[in-house]
């Protein structure tokens, strides 16, 4: 699990509202979506967990931002080896997942697919119900998984670990 210190480092450079649609509660839901999926897909959970906190941290606006995934991966590159550890193989998966998470791709390594699905399952926060045609893994395409994630996203559910493990406050919405 990314710890409070890593979240504080990321927050210092984050340009958008902390409680916004791409902010910390979204990252936490993506993390929980990813962990739940990884149990079924066999994805590398270290990669999935780090993807959750870096994939949108490089955004400069809440709308179209073509290079935000790349900026998130670039920030992660400056922290790799000090704030967190990933092997070279894990790093390649992580970078690819971050850089390409908004490209609409569905094919790839199970870990990358799990990262993308974890994010796409949280689209309810912007008024979009996840469509199984745009999900990658059989686990994410299950109606039970879509429903569970969608309900959390439309209510802007805030996981408790944000306050306890990440040691930060967020407005509940």
Protein backbone atom coordinates (compact mmCIF):
# COMPACT_ATOMS: atom_id res chain seq x y z
CA UNK A 1 0.00 0.00 0.00
CA UNK A 2 1.37 3.44 -0.81
CA UNK A 3 2.03 5.10 2.54
CA UNK A 4 1.24 8.53 3.90
CA UNK A 5 4.69 9.89 3.09
CA UNK A 6 4.38 8.96 -0.59
CA UNK A 7 0.93 10.55 -0.74
CA UNK A 8 2.29 13.76 0.84
CA UNK A 9 5.09 13.88 -1.74
CA UNK A 10 2.60 13.46 -4.58
CA UNK A 11 0.23 16.02 -3.09
CA UNK A 12 2.92 18.70 -2.99
CA UNK A 13 3.05 18.75 -6.78
CA UNK A 14 -0.64 18.00 -7.48
CA UNK A 15 -2.28 20.92 -9.33
CA UNK A 16 -5.98 20.09 -8.99
CA UNK A 17 -8.43 20.11 -6.08
CA UNK A 18 -7.50 17.35 -3.63
CA UNK A 19 -11.17 16.34 -3.39
CA UNK A 20 -11.81 16.77 -7.13
CA UNK A 21 -12.92 14.14 -9.62
CA UNK A 22 -9.32 13.08 -10.31
CA UNK A 23 -8.14 13.52 -6.72
CA UNK A 24 -7.26 11.33 -3.80
CA UNK A 25 -10.65 9.62 -3.32
CA UNK A 26 -10.54 8.55 -6.98
CA UNK A 27 -7.02 7.18 -6.48
CA UNK A 28 -8.18 5.24 -3.42
CA UNK A 29 -11.19 3.74 -5.23
CA UNK A 30 -8.94 2.79 -8.15
CA UNK A 31 -6.61 1.12 -5.66
CA UNK A 32 -9.46 -0.85 -4.09
CA UNK A 33 -10.85 -1.75 -7.53
CA UNK A 34 -7.40 -2.88 -8.59
CA UNK A 35 -6.75 -5.01 -5.52
CA UNK A 36 -10.14 -6.69 -5.89
CA UNK A 37 -9.45 -7.37 -9.57
CA UNK A 38 -5.85 -8.51 -8.96
CA UNK A 39 -7.11 -11.26 -6.67
CA UNK A 40 -8.93 -12.64 -9.71
CA UNK A 41 -6.51 -11.74 -12.53
CA UNK A 42 -3.21 -12.57 -10.84
CA UNK A 43 -1.94 -9.05 -11.51
CA UNK A 44 1.10 -7.71 -9.69
CA UNK A 45 -0.42 -5.81 -6.76
CA UNK A 46 2.62 -3.60 -6.20
CA UNK A 47 2.23 -2.24 -9.73
CA UNK A 48 -1.55 -1.93 -9.41
CA UNK A 49 -1.31 -0.03 -6.10
CA UNK A 50 1.29 2.41 -7.40
CA UNK A 51 -0.63 2.92 -10.64
CA UNK A 52 -3.63 3.97 -8.55
CA UNK A 53 -1.81 6.91 -6.97
CA UNK A 54 0.28 8.01 -9.95
CA UNK A 55 -1.99 7.57 -12.99
CA UNK A 56 -3.80 10.93 -12.56
CA UNK A 57 -1.37 12.80 -10.30
CA UNK A 58 0.18 14.62 -13.27
CA UNK A 59 -3.06 16.24 -14.41
CA UNK A 60 -3.15 19.98 -14.96
CA UNK A 61 -6.90 20.15 -15.56
CA UNK A 62 -10.03 18.05 -14.97
CA UNK A 63 -10.82 17.78 -18.69
CA UNK A 64 -8.80 16.46 -21.62
CA UNK A 65 -5.14 16.30 -20.64
CA UNK A 66 -3.31 14.15 -23.17
CA UNK A 67 0.01 13.76 -21.36
CA UNK A 68 -1.09 13.46 -17.72
CA UNK A 69 -0.28 9.74 -17.54
CA UNK A 70 3.22 10.38 -18.84
CA UNK A 71 3.70 13.19 -16.28
CA UNK A 72 2.56 10.85 -13.51
CA UNK A 73 5.06 8.22 -14.67
CA UNK A 74 7.80 10.86 -14.84
CA UNK A 75 7.10 11.89 -11.25
CA UNK A 76 7.21 8.24 -10.22
CA UNK A 77 10.59 7.88 -11.96
CA UNK A 78 12.04 10.58 -9.68
CA UNK A 79 10.80 8.68 -6.61
CA UNK A 80 11.65 5.11 -7.63
CA UNK A 81 14.31 3.67 -5.39
CA UNK A 82 13.69 6.16 -2.58
CA UNK A 83 9.94 6.46 -1.92
CA UNK A 84 9.11 3.03 -3.36
CA UNK A 85 10.77 0.04 -4.98
CA UNK A 86 9.89 -1.74 -8.24
CA UNK A 87 11.95 -4.23 -10.21
CA UNK A 88 12.79 -3.35 -13.79
CA UNK A 89 10.04 -5.66 -15.06
CA UNK A 90 7.48 -4.13 -12.68
CA UNK A 91 8.65 -0.65 -13.68
CA UNK A 92 8.06 -1.35 -17.37
CA UNK A 93 4.52 -2.56 -16.66
CA UNK A 94 3.83 0.43 -14.40
CA UNK A 95 5.09 2.98 -16.94
CA UNK A 96 3.13 1.45 -19.80
CA UNK A 97 -0.05 1.33 -17.70
CA UNK A 98 0.27 4.99 -16.66
CA UNK A 99 1.27 6.39 -20.03
CA UNK A 100 -1.44 4.56 -21.97
CA UNK A 101 -4.33 4.40 -19.50
CA UNK A 102 -6.52 6.81 -21.49
CA UNK A 103 -5.70 5.47 -24.95
CA UNK A 104 -8.68 3.08 -25.00
CA UNK A 105 -6.51 -0.01 -25.29
CA UNK A 106 -7.78 -3.34 -23.97
CA UNK A 107 -5.02 -5.79 -24.91
CA UNK A 108 -1.87 -6.37 -22.92
CA UNK A 109 -0.29 -7.89 -19.87
CA UNK A 110 -2.74 -8.92 -17.12
CA UNK A 111 -1.22 -6.40 -14.72
CA UNK A 112 -1.59 -3.55 -17.20
CA UNK A 113 -5.14 -4.61 -18.04
CA UNK A 114 -5.98 -4.73 -14.33
CA UNK A 115 -4.67 -1.19 -13.86
CA UNK A 116 -6.76 0.11 -16.75
CA UNK A 117 -9.88 -1.71 -15.57
CA UNK A 118 -9.45 -0.42 -12.03
CA UNK A 119 -9.54 3.14 -13.38
CA UNK A 120 -12.35 2.56 -15.89
CA UNK A 121 -14.55 1.01 -13.22
CA UNK A 122 -14.56 4.40 -11.46
CA UNK A 123 -16.10 6.32 -14.37
CA UNK A 124 -19.40 6.80 -12.55
CA UNK A 125 -17.86 9.81 -10.80
CA UNK A 126 -18.06 11.64 -14.17
CA UNK A 127 -21.49 10.29 -15.13
CA UNK A 128 -20.36 7.32 -17.24
CA UNK A 129 -21.41 3.77 -16.45
CA UNK A 130 -18.56 1.36 -17.26
CA UNK A 131 -19.22 -0.57 -20.48
CA UNK A 132 -17.89 -4.15 -20.55
CA UNK A 133 -16.80 -3.63 -24.18
CA UNK A 134 -14.14 -1.20 -22.96
CA UNK A 135 -12.95 -3.30 -20.05
CA UNK A 136 -10.01 -5.66 -20.44
CA UNK A 137 -10.36 -8.56 -18.04
CA UNK A 138 -13.14 -11.11 -17.53
CA UNK A 139 -13.09 -10.18 -13.84
CA UNK A 140 -13.87 -6.52 -14.56
CA UNK A 141 -16.61 -7.43 -17.05
CA UNK A 142 -18.63 -9.29 -14.41
CA UNK A 143 -21.86 -7.42 -13.72
CA UNK A 144 -21.32 -7.80 -9.97
CA UNK A 145 -17.92 -6.05 -10.21
CA UNK A 146 -19.25 -3.28 -12.45
CA UNK A 147 -22.22 -2.68 -10.14
CA UNK A 148 -20.07 -2.65 -6.98
CA UNK A 149 -17.57 -0.18 -8.44
CA UNK A 150 -20.21 1.97 -10.14
CA UNK A 151 -22.19 2.46 -6.93
CA UNK A 152 -19.05 3.54 -5.09
CA UNK A 153 -18.07 5.94 -7.87
CA UNK A 154 -21.45 7.66 -8.28
CA UNK A 155 -21.64 8.28 -4.53
CA UNK A 156 -17.99 9.42 -4.50
CA UNK A 157 -17.26 6.88 -1.78
CA UNK A 158 -14.18 7.78 0.29
CA UNK A 159 -12.29 4.74 1.58
CA UNK A 160 -11.35 4.95 5.25
CA UNK A 161 -7.67 4.21 4.65
CA UNK A 162 -7.25 7.70 3.19
CA UNK A 163 -7.50 9.08 6.72
CA UNK A 164 -5.89 6.21 8.60
CA UNK A 165 -3.06 4.93 6.38
CA UNK A 166 -2.51 7.87 4.05
CA UNK A 167 -3.01 10.28 6.94
CA UNK A 168 -4.85 12.95 5.00
CA UNK A 169 -8.28 14.51 5.01
CA UNK A 170 -10.66 14.68 2.10
CA UNK A 171 -14.12 16.14 1.80
CA UNK A 172 -16.73 13.42 1.58
CA UNK A 173 -19.06 13.94 -1.27
